[in-house]
Amino acid sequence: MAGNYVVLREEPAGFTVVLAGTSEDLSGARTKWRKAARDQSSTHVFTRLNVSRAVRVAEHDDLVAHYRPKVSSEAEA
């Protein structure tokens, strides 16, 4: 199922978005989360099902503009 995802790191003051991405198959987000967990000490991944590619890209752009994560992935895998 297609959608958006963000990978977060929990910190004392709250959460930091370390990765924002889109995917045509959200099961692939797990691989990105594992890499972010190793490289950036991430602790959580949140997903949002979203079939419309145009809406996925718009939401991704909004997330990146607001949170400015260190890593951003628009790869539709």
Protein backbone atom coordinates (compact mmCIF):
# COMPACT_ATOMS: atom_id res chain seq x y z
CA MET A 1 0.00 0.00 0.00
CA ALA A 2 1.32 3.43 -0.95
CA GLY A 3 1.83 6.27 1.49
CA ASN A 4 4.06 8.64 3.38
CA TYR A 5 6.30 7.89 6.33
CA VAL A 6 8.43 9.75 8.83
CA VAL A 7 11.18 8.31 10.98
CA LEU A 8 11.61 9.96 14.38
CA ARG A 9 14.10 10.08 17.20
CA GLU A 10 12.67 10.48 20.70
CA GLU A 11 14.49 13.08 22.78
CA PRO A 12 13.88 14.54 26.24
CA ALA A 13 12.11 17.58 24.75
CA GLY A 14 10.00 15.56 22.30
CA PHE A 15 10.57 14.06 18.86
CA THR A 16 12.87 15.02 15.99
CA VAL A 17 11.99 14.02 12.43
CA VAL A 18 15.14 12.45 10.96
CA LEU A 19 13.68 11.12 7.70
CA ALA A 20 10.60 11.87 5.60
CA GLY A 21 9.70 9.72 2.63
CA THR A 22 7.09 8.43 0.21
CA SER A 23 6.65 4.93 -1.12
CA GLU A 24 4.38 2.95 -3.40
CA ASP A 25 4.92 0.08 -0.93
CA LEU A 26 5.16 1.13 2.72
CA SER A 27 6.63 -2.22 3.71
CA GLY A 28 9.86 -0.76 2.32
CA ALA A 29 9.79 1.97 4.99
CA ARG A 30 10.92 -0.65 7.51
CA THR A 31 14.29 -0.94 5.76
CA LYS A 32 14.77 2.83 5.83
CA TRP A 33 13.80 2.90 9.51
CA ARG A 34 16.39 0.26 10.35
CA LYS A 35 19.09 2.25 8.56
CA ALA A 36 18.01 5.46 10.31
CA ALA A 37 17.95 3.59 13.65
CA ARG A 38 21.54 2.58 13.08
CA ASP A 39 22.80 5.87 11.60
CA GLN A 40 20.71 8.44 13.51
CA SER A 41 19.41 6.64 16.60
CA SER A 42 15.79 6.83 15.45
CA THR A 43 13.18 5.25 17.68
CA HIS A 44 9.84 5.40 15.82
CA VAL A 45 8.35 5.23 12.33
CA PHE A 46 4.93 6.63 11.50
CA THR A 47 3.09 5.86 8.27
CA ARG A 48 0.08 7.29 6.49
CA LEU A 49 -1.69 5.35 3.77
CA ASN A 50 -2.13 7.55 0.75
CA VAL A 51 -2.90 6.08 -2.68
CA SER A 52 -2.83 9.35 -4.65
CA ARG A 53 0.74 10.08 -5.80
CA ALA A 54 0.01 13.82 -6.15
CA VAL A 55 -1.21 14.01 -2.54
CA ARG A 56 1.75 11.92 -1.29
CA VAL A 57 4.21 14.28 -2.94
CA ALA A 58 2.40 17.38 -1.61
CA GLU A 59 2.35 15.97 1.94
CA HIS A 60 6.03 14.98 1.65
CA ASP A 61 6.92 18.50 0.53
CA ASP A 62 4.96 19.99 3.47
CA LEU A 63 6.66 17.67 5.98
CA VAL A 64 10.14 18.46 4.65
CA ALA A 65 9.46 22.21 4.58
CA HIS A 66 8.17 22.20 8.16
CA TYR A 67 10.50 19.73 9.91
CA ARG A 68 13.60 20.01 7.71
CA PRO A 69 14.81 16.45 8.36
CA LYS A 70 18.45 15.61 7.72
CA VAL A 71 17.33 12.98 5.21
CA SER A 72 14.48 13.18 2.73
CA SER A 73 13.48 10.45 0.32
CA GLU A 74 10.94 10.80 -2.45
CA ALA A 75 11.89 7.50 -4.04
CA GLU A 76 8.74 5.69 -5.02
CA ALA A 77 9.95 2.18 -4.27
